[in-house]
Protein backbone atom coordinates (compact mmCIF):
# COMPACT_ATOMS: atom_id res chain seq x y z
CA MET A 1 -7.58 -19.06 17.38
CA ALA A 2 -8.56 -18.47 13.75
CA TRP A 3 -5.00 -19.09 12.56
CA LYS A 4 -4.86 -22.54 14.21
CA TRP A 5 -8.22 -23.39 12.66
CA MET A 6 -6.89 -22.38 9.25
CA TYR A 7 -3.95 -24.75 9.63
CA SER A 8 -6.26 -27.59 10.67
CA CYS A 9 -7.79 -27.32 7.20
CA LYS A 10 -4.53 -28.04 5.36
CA GLU A 11 -5.13 -31.74 4.68
CA GLN A 12 -8.62 -30.99 3.42
CA LEU A 13 -7.30 -28.22 1.17
CA ASP A 14 -4.69 -30.52 -0.36
CA ASP A 15 -7.51 -32.80 -1.53
CA MET A 16 -9.27 -30.86 -4.29
CA SER A 17 -12.14 -33.36 -4.30
CA SER A 18 -13.38 -32.15 -0.89
CA ARG A 19 -14.90 -28.88 0.27
CA HIS A 20 -12.35 -26.10 0.43
CA PRO A 21 -12.07 -23.50 3.20
CA GLY A 22 -10.81 -20.29 1.64
CA LEU A 23 -11.41 -21.65 -1.87
CA THR A 24 -15.06 -20.74 -2.35
CA GLY A 25 -16.28 -19.19 -5.59
CA LEU A 26 -18.65 -16.23 -5.82
CA GLN A 27 -21.78 -16.22 -7.95
CA ASN A 28 -21.91 -13.57 -10.66
CA LEU A 29 -24.99 -11.41 -10.02
CA GLU A 30 -24.89 -10.09 -13.61
CA ASN A 31 -21.85 -7.97 -14.48
CA THR A 32 -20.43 -8.21 -10.94
CA CYS A 33 -17.15 -9.93 -11.87
CA TYR A 34 -15.30 -6.73 -10.87
CA MET A 35 -16.73 -7.09 -7.34
CA ASN A 36 -16.06 -10.83 -7.10
CA ALA A 37 -12.41 -10.48 -8.13
CA VAL A 38 -11.72 -7.75 -5.55
CA LEU A 39 -13.55 -9.62 -2.77
CA GLN A 40 -11.57 -12.79 -3.47
CA CYS A 41 -8.30 -10.89 -3.15
CA LEU A 42 -9.33 -9.18 0.10
CA CYS A 43 -10.59 -12.48 1.52
CA SER A 44 -7.24 -14.15 0.82
CA LEU A 45 -5.11 -11.68 2.82
CA THR A 46 -3.96 -13.46 5.98
CA PRO A 47 -4.13 -10.59 8.51
CA LEU A 48 -7.57 -9.52 7.28
CA VAL A 49 -8.83 -13.11 7.37
CA GLN A 50 -7.51 -13.49 10.93
CA TYR A 51 -9.24 -10.26 11.97
CA PHE A 52 -12.64 -11.45 10.78
CA LEU A 53 -12.45 -15.15 11.66
CA SER A 54 -11.23 -14.37 15.18
CA GLY A 55 -14.33 -12.22 15.79
CA ARG A 56 -12.32 -9.10 16.69
CA TRP A 57 -14.30 -7.14 14.12
CA ASN A 58 -17.43 -7.47 16.27
CA ILE A 59 -15.70 -5.53 19.06
CA ASP A 60 -14.55 -2.69 16.79
CA LEU A 61 -17.75 -2.38 14.74
CA HIS A 62 -19.72 0.88 14.65
CA GLU A 63 -23.15 -0.54 13.93
CA GLU A 64 -24.63 2.77 12.74
CA VAL A 65 -22.32 2.70 9.68
CA GLY A 66 -21.45 -0.99 9.65
CA GLU A 67 -24.21 -2.73 7.71
CA SER A 68 -22.07 -3.56 4.71
CA ALA A 69 -19.11 -4.43 6.98
CA ILE A 70 -21.33 -7.00 8.71
CA ALA A 71 -22.28 -8.43 5.31
CA PHE A 72 -18.58 -8.52 4.37
CA GLY A 73 -17.78 -10.40 7.60
CA CYS A 74 -20.54 -12.93 6.97
CA LEU A 75 -19.31 -13.44 3.41
CA MET A 76 -15.74 -13.93 4.65
CA SER A 77 -17.01 -16.56 7.12
CA ASP A 78 -18.94 -18.41 4.40
CA MET A 79 -15.90 -18.45 2.13
CA TRP A 80 -13.56 -19.77 4.83
CA HIS A 81 -15.81 -22.43 6.33
CA GLY A 82 -15.72 -24.24 3.01
CA GLU A 83 -19.23 -25.67 3.16
CA PHE A 84 -20.08 -24.76 -0.45
CA ASP A 85 -18.28 -24.72 -3.79
CA TYR A 86 -19.56 -21.17 -4.28
CA VAL A 87 -21.78 -18.68 -2.46
CA SER A 88 -23.80 -15.64 -3.45
CA PRO A 89 -22.54 -12.14 -2.54
CA GLU A 90 -26.11 -10.83 -2.93
CA ALA A 91 -26.44 -9.59 0.68
CA PHE A 92 -23.15 -7.68 0.54
CA HIS A 93 -23.93 -6.22 -2.89
CA SER A 94 -27.34 -5.04 -1.71
CA VAL A 95 -26.23 -3.20 1.43
CA PHE A 96 -23.03 -1.87 -0.15
CA GLY A 97 -25.10 -0.41 -2.97
CA LYS A 98 -27.15 1.56 -0.42
CA ARG A 99 -24.02 3.35 0.79
CA TYR A 100 -22.52 3.69 -2.70
CA PRO A 101 -25.47 3.90 -5.12
CA VAL A 102 -23.24 3.87 -8.20
CA PHE A 103 -22.50 0.20 -7.46
CA SER A 104 -26.14 -0.73 -6.91
CA ARG A 105 -26.68 -1.06 -10.66
CA ARG A 106 -25.76 -4.45 -12.03
CA ALA A 107 -23.46 -2.97 -14.64
CA GLN A 108 -19.73 -3.32 -15.18
CA HIS A 109 -17.59 -1.05 -13.01
CA ASP A 110 -13.91 -0.40 -12.50
CA ALA A 111 -12.38 -2.81 -9.97
CA GLN A 112 -9.94 -0.21 -8.64
CA GLU A 113 -12.73 2.28 -7.90
CA PHE A 114 -14.72 -0.45 -6.15
CA LEU A 115 -11.68 -1.51 -4.10
CA ILE A 116 -11.09 2.04 -2.83
CA CYS A 117 -14.75 2.33 -1.79
CA VAL A 118 -14.68 -1.04 0.03
CA LEU A 119 -11.54 -0.12 1.97
CA ASP A 120 -13.00 3.25 2.93
CA ASP A 121 -16.30 1.66 3.97
CA LEU A 122 -14.55 -0.92 6.18
CA HIS A 123 -12.39 1.82 7.68
CA GLN A 124 -15.44 3.88 8.62
CA ALA A 125 -17.05 0.82 10.21
CA PHE A 126 -14.05 -0.13 12.37
CA LYS A 127 -12.07 3.04 13.05
CA GLU A 128 -11.05 3.95 16.57
CA PRO A 129 -12.02 7.43 17.77
CA SER A 130 -9.08 9.82 17.74
CA GLU A 131 -8.44 12.53 20.33
CA GLU A 132 -9.90 15.02 17.88
CA THR A 133 -13.11 13.09 17.32
CA GLN A 134 -13.55 12.38 21.03
CA SER A 135 -13.87 16.13 21.63
CA HIS A 136 -16.79 16.34 19.20
CA ASP A 137 -20.20 14.74 19.17
CA ALA A 138 -20.17 10.97 18.85
CA GLY A 139 -22.02 11.14 15.53
CA ALA A 140 -19.54 13.48 13.83
CA SER A 141 -18.15 12.27 10.51
CA THR A 142 -14.36 12.19 10.12
CA GLY A 143 -11.92 11.41 7.35
CA ARG A 144 -9.70 8.33 7.18
CA GLY A 145 -6.82 10.27 8.70
CA ASN A 146 -8.81 11.00 11.89
CA GLY A 147 -8.75 7.55 13.43
CA LYS A 148 -7.04 4.20 13.00
CA SER A 149 -8.66 0.94 11.96
CA ILE A 150 -7.68 -2.50 10.72
CA ILE A 151 -7.66 -0.92 7.24
CA THR A 152 -5.20 1.86 8.08
CA LYS A 153 -3.03 -0.59 10.03
CA LEU A 154 -2.76 -2.96 7.07
CA PHE A 155 -3.16 -0.88 3.92
CA GLU A 156 -2.34 2.76 4.62
CA GLY A 157 1.04 4.17 3.69
CA GLN A 158 2.31 7.71 3.40
CA LEU A 159 4.02 9.55 0.58
CA ASN A 160 5.89 12.79 0.82
CA TYR A 161 6.01 15.19 -2.10
CA GLY A 162 9.15 17.31 -1.89
CA ILE A 163 8.45 20.56 -3.77
CA ARG A 164 11.49 22.76 -4.55
CA CYS A 165 11.16 26.31 -5.89
CA LEU A 166 13.49 26.71 -8.87
CA ARG A 167 14.07 30.36 -8.08
CA CYS A 168 14.97 30.44 -4.37
CA LYS A 169 15.57 26.65 -3.97
CA ALA A 170 13.31 26.51 -0.90
CA LEU A 171 12.01 22.97 -0.21
CA THR A 172 8.47 22.29 1.00
CA ASP A 173 7.26 18.88 2.15
CA ARG A 174 3.67 17.80 1.45
CA PRO A 175 2.75 14.45 3.05
CA GLU A 176 -0.18 12.46 1.68
CA SER A 177 -1.71 9.14 2.76
CA PHE A 178 -2.51 6.36 0.29
CA THR A 179 -4.03 2.89 0.21
CA VAL A 180 -3.58 2.22 -3.53
CA LEU A 181 -0.70 3.48 -5.68
CA SER A 182 -1.76 4.11 -9.30
CA LEU A 183 1.27 3.49 -11.50
CA PRO A 184 1.68 4.74 -15.09
CA ILE A 185 2.70 2.13 -17.68
CA PRO A 186 5.55 3.05 -20.07
CA SER A 187 4.64 3.14 -23.78
CA THR A 188 6.28 -0.17 -24.67
CA ARG A 189 5.11 -3.69 -25.43
CA LEU A 190 6.96 -5.12 -22.43
CA CYS A 191 8.06 -3.55 -19.16
CA SER A 192 8.60 -4.42 -15.50
CA LEU A 193 6.85 -3.31 -12.34
CA GLN A 194 10.10 -1.53 -11.46
CA ASP A 195 9.77 0.48 -14.71
CA CYS A 196 6.28 1.55 -13.63
CA LEU A 197 7.58 2.53 -10.19
CA GLU A 198 10.40 4.54 -11.80
CA CYS A 199 7.81 6.43 -13.85
CA PHE A 200 5.74 7.21 -10.76
CA PHE A 201 8.65 8.35 -8.58
CA GLN A 202 10.66 10.28 -11.17
CA PRO A 203 10.94 14.04 -10.49
CA ASP A 204 8.52 16.28 -12.36
CA THR A 205 8.77 19.96 -13.27
CA LEU A 206 5.82 22.28 -12.62
CA THR A 207 5.63 25.18 -15.05
CA GLN A 208 3.09 27.56 -16.63
CA ASN A 209 -0.40 26.77 -15.25
CA ASN A 210 1.07 24.24 -12.79
CA GLN A 211 3.40 26.67 -11.03
CA ILE A 212 3.43 26.76 -7.24
CA HIS A 213 2.97 29.80 -5.04
CA CYS A 214 6.31 30.05 -3.24
CA GLY A 215 5.96 31.36 0.31
CA TRP A 216 9.50 32.69 0.24
CA CYS A 217 9.30 34.42 -3.14
CA GLN A 218 5.65 35.45 -2.56
CA THR A 219 4.96 34.82 -6.26
CA SER A 220 4.13 31.91 -8.54
CA GLN A 221 7.28 30.07 -9.53
CA ASP A 222 8.42 27.05 -11.50
CA ALA A 223 9.24 24.10 -9.24
CA THR A 224 10.29 20.47 -9.17
CA VAL A 225 8.32 17.84 -7.27
CA LYS A 226 9.53 14.40 -6.24
CA ALA A 227 7.56 11.74 -4.37
CA SER A 228 9.01 9.29 -1.86
CA ILE A 229 7.53 6.74 0.53
CA ILE A 230 7.96 7.79 4.15
CA GLN A 231 5.74 5.07 5.61
CA ALA A 232 5.31 1.74 3.83
CA PRO A 233 2.15 -0.27 4.55
CA GLN A 234 2.09 -3.92 5.56
CA ILE A 235 0.05 -4.65 2.42
CA ILE A 236 0.73 -2.47 -0.60
CA ILE A 237 -1.64 -2.41 -3.58
CA PHE A 238 -0.53 -1.29 -7.03
CA HIS A 239 -3.03 -0.18 -9.65
CA LEU A 240 -1.62 -0.50 -13.17
CA LYS A 241 -3.13 2.34 -15.19
CA ARG A 242 -4.20 0.32 -18.22
CA PHE A 243 -7.04 2.67 -19.16
CA ALA A 244 -5.65 5.83 -20.71
CA TRP A 245 -6.82 8.75 -22.85
CA GLN A 246 -5.39 9.18 -26.34
CA ASP A 247 -6.68 11.77 -28.83
CA GLN A 248 -9.81 12.28 -26.68
CA ASN A 249 -10.54 8.55 -26.78
CA ARG A 250 -10.20 6.18 -23.85
CA ARG A 251 -8.28 3.01 -24.65
CA LYS A 252 -6.79 0.05 -22.85
CA LEU A 253 -3.03 -0.48 -22.73
CA SER A 254 -2.15 -4.11 -23.46
CA THR A 255 1.46 -3.75 -22.29
CA THR A 256 2.81 -6.85 -20.55
CA VAL A 257 4.04 -5.83 -17.09
CA CYS A 258 6.42 -8.33 -15.49
CA TYR A 259 6.15 -8.35 -11.71
CA PRO A 260 8.21 -10.25 -9.10
CA PHE A 261 6.68 -12.92 -6.88
CA ARG A 262 8.97 -12.09 -3.95
CA HIS A 263 11.72 -9.70 -2.87
CA LEU A 264 10.06 -6.64 -4.34
CA ASP A 265 12.41 -3.95 -3.05
CA LEU A 266 10.91 -0.49 -2.53
CA SER A 267 13.98 0.99 -0.84
CA PRO A 268 14.94 3.10 -3.92
CA TYR A 269 11.68 5.02 -3.42
CA THR A 270 11.76 5.42 0.36
CA THR A 271 13.43 7.64 2.90
CA PRO A 272 16.25 6.10 5.00
CA SER A 273 14.00 5.76 8.06
CA THR A 274 11.25 3.82 6.22
CA LYS A 275 10.73 0.21 7.34
CA LYS A 276 9.18 -2.85 5.65
CA THR A 277 10.43 -2.28 2.11
CA GLU A 278 10.55 -5.87 0.73
CA TYR A 279 7.32 -7.51 -0.36
CA SER A 280 5.91 -10.77 -1.75
CA LEU A 281 3.03 -11.08 -4.20
CA CYS A 282 -0.14 -12.51 -2.65
CA ALA A 283 -3.03 -11.65 -5.03
CA VAL A 284 -3.80 -10.24 -8.48
CA VAL A 285 -6.93 -8.80 -10.08
CA ASN A 286 -6.93 -9.39 -13.84
CA HIS A 287 -8.86 -7.60 -16.57
CA ALA A 288 -9.25 -9.41 -19.90
CA GLY A 289 -10.90 -7.94 -22.98
CA ASP A 290 -11.51 -4.34 -23.96
CA LEU A 291 -13.29 -1.38 -22.40
CA ASP A 292 -16.77 -2.48 -23.41
CA TYR A 293 -16.59 -6.26 -23.04
CA GLY A 294 -14.04 -6.86 -20.32
CA HIS A 295 -14.03 -9.55 -17.65
CA TYR A 296 -12.37 -9.56 -14.22
CA THR A 297 -10.81 -12.58 -12.52
CA ALA A 298 -8.45 -13.03 -9.57
CA PHE A 299 -5.32 -15.01 -8.76
CA CYS A 300 -4.81 -15.59 -5.02
CA LYS A 301 -2.12 -17.40 -3.06
CA HIS A 302 -3.75 -19.49 -0.36
CA SER A 303 -2.39 -18.64 3.07
CA VAL A 304 -2.37 -22.28 4.26
CA THR A 305 -1.37 -24.41 1.27
CA GLU A 306 0.69 -21.61 -0.36
CA HIS A 307 -0.63 -22.75 -3.73
CA TRP A 308 -2.00 -20.30 -6.29
CA TYR A 309 -5.64 -20.46 -7.41
CA SER A 310 -7.65 -18.78 -10.15
CA PHE A 311 -11.05 -17.35 -9.15
CA ASP A 312 -13.38 -16.81 -12.11
CA ASP A 313 -16.67 -15.97 -10.40
CA ALA A 314 -18.04 -19.36 -9.19
CA GLN A 315 -15.18 -21.37 -10.68
CA VAL A 316 -12.04 -22.00 -8.61
CA THR A 317 -9.01 -23.70 -10.18
CA LYS A 318 -5.54 -24.52 -8.87
CA ILE A 319 -2.88 -23.04 -11.16
CA PRO A 320 0.91 -23.32 -11.43
CA ASP A 321 3.06 -20.39 -10.34
CA SER A 322 4.00 -19.71 -13.96
CA ALA A 323 0.36 -18.89 -14.80
CA VAL A 324 0.27 -16.05 -12.27
CA GLN A 325 2.48 -13.89 -14.49
CA ALA A 326 -0.13 -12.63 -16.96
CA ASP A 327 -0.47 -9.67 -19.30
CA THR A 328 -3.98 -9.05 -17.91
CA ALA A 329 -2.80 -7.94 -14.45
CA TYR A 330 -4.62 -4.81 -13.26
CA LEU A 331 -4.28 -4.74 -9.45
CA LEU A 332 -1.32 -6.26 -7.61
CA PHE A 333 -1.43 -7.04 -3.88
CA TYR A 334 1.91 -7.38 -2.08
CA THR A 335 2.46 -8.20 1.58
CA SER A 336 5.50 -7.26 3.63
CA GLN A 337 7.90 -10.22 3.84
CA GLY A 338 8.16 -11.75 7.27
CA TYR A 339 4.77 -10.43 8.42
């Protein structure tokens, strides 16, 4: 079992002078720090690591769309066998760039956009055929909602937008799946993750050009809309919206966002029937610098030693818990407590 093998590495991991399974750096291929930081976070998530190291991914793989998933699996294996201080993600970058040409250029990209593409690519490679897809040709392309995969099982949650017409008070529910929640940051120098969540889930009023067409009134009407979580994922990813438009110029928000390490309670934003609402922090993607000269790094909690490490491309460093709270946080990965 992959999990037993991971525990057999604990003594080796405690000795930083030896090779380190799960603590392998990634070579920067020229402006690919955004990719390295995201890959380090994904390759530190226990259930995803188990899935790949156990070999189950080979059974689920759709080879016709799985070239980059195979490269991802090989990279995961290299990083967890601990034979090198760092490895090159060249093979993954090459095949991933064929499916998503925008990332084939060795230029800086947004880590959140890359993360969404990686999750979608892995989903397409491993998804189970649904009843709907089984009735069509085997080669038919389907969306993420038309089939489950290791990605949907771990990362996909569901929101519901409750839309209420202000004239007739009729309520319409609009469910929507998500893998990453993009949270606005309040215009202050210091705030908490809870403040960001409050901003995201606060009711909004739709007026003028944003009016809804009410099926009961049969006309366009003002309405209120309020989001709530109706299905919480096992791993929830928050994207802090640090890049914002102001006076037709894009700028970076340097607001310090304080986030909890454990006992993140999402129950204020869920329906009564929603399960798995308390989470613990397991990984962070950081962005330092400005829009033009930024640099991405990652903080990851090792699943065996439970120590935190900083991943700066090829360099891996053990860090104290206090260093994980940083004003450069851009993506936060939380896992359901007790999973």
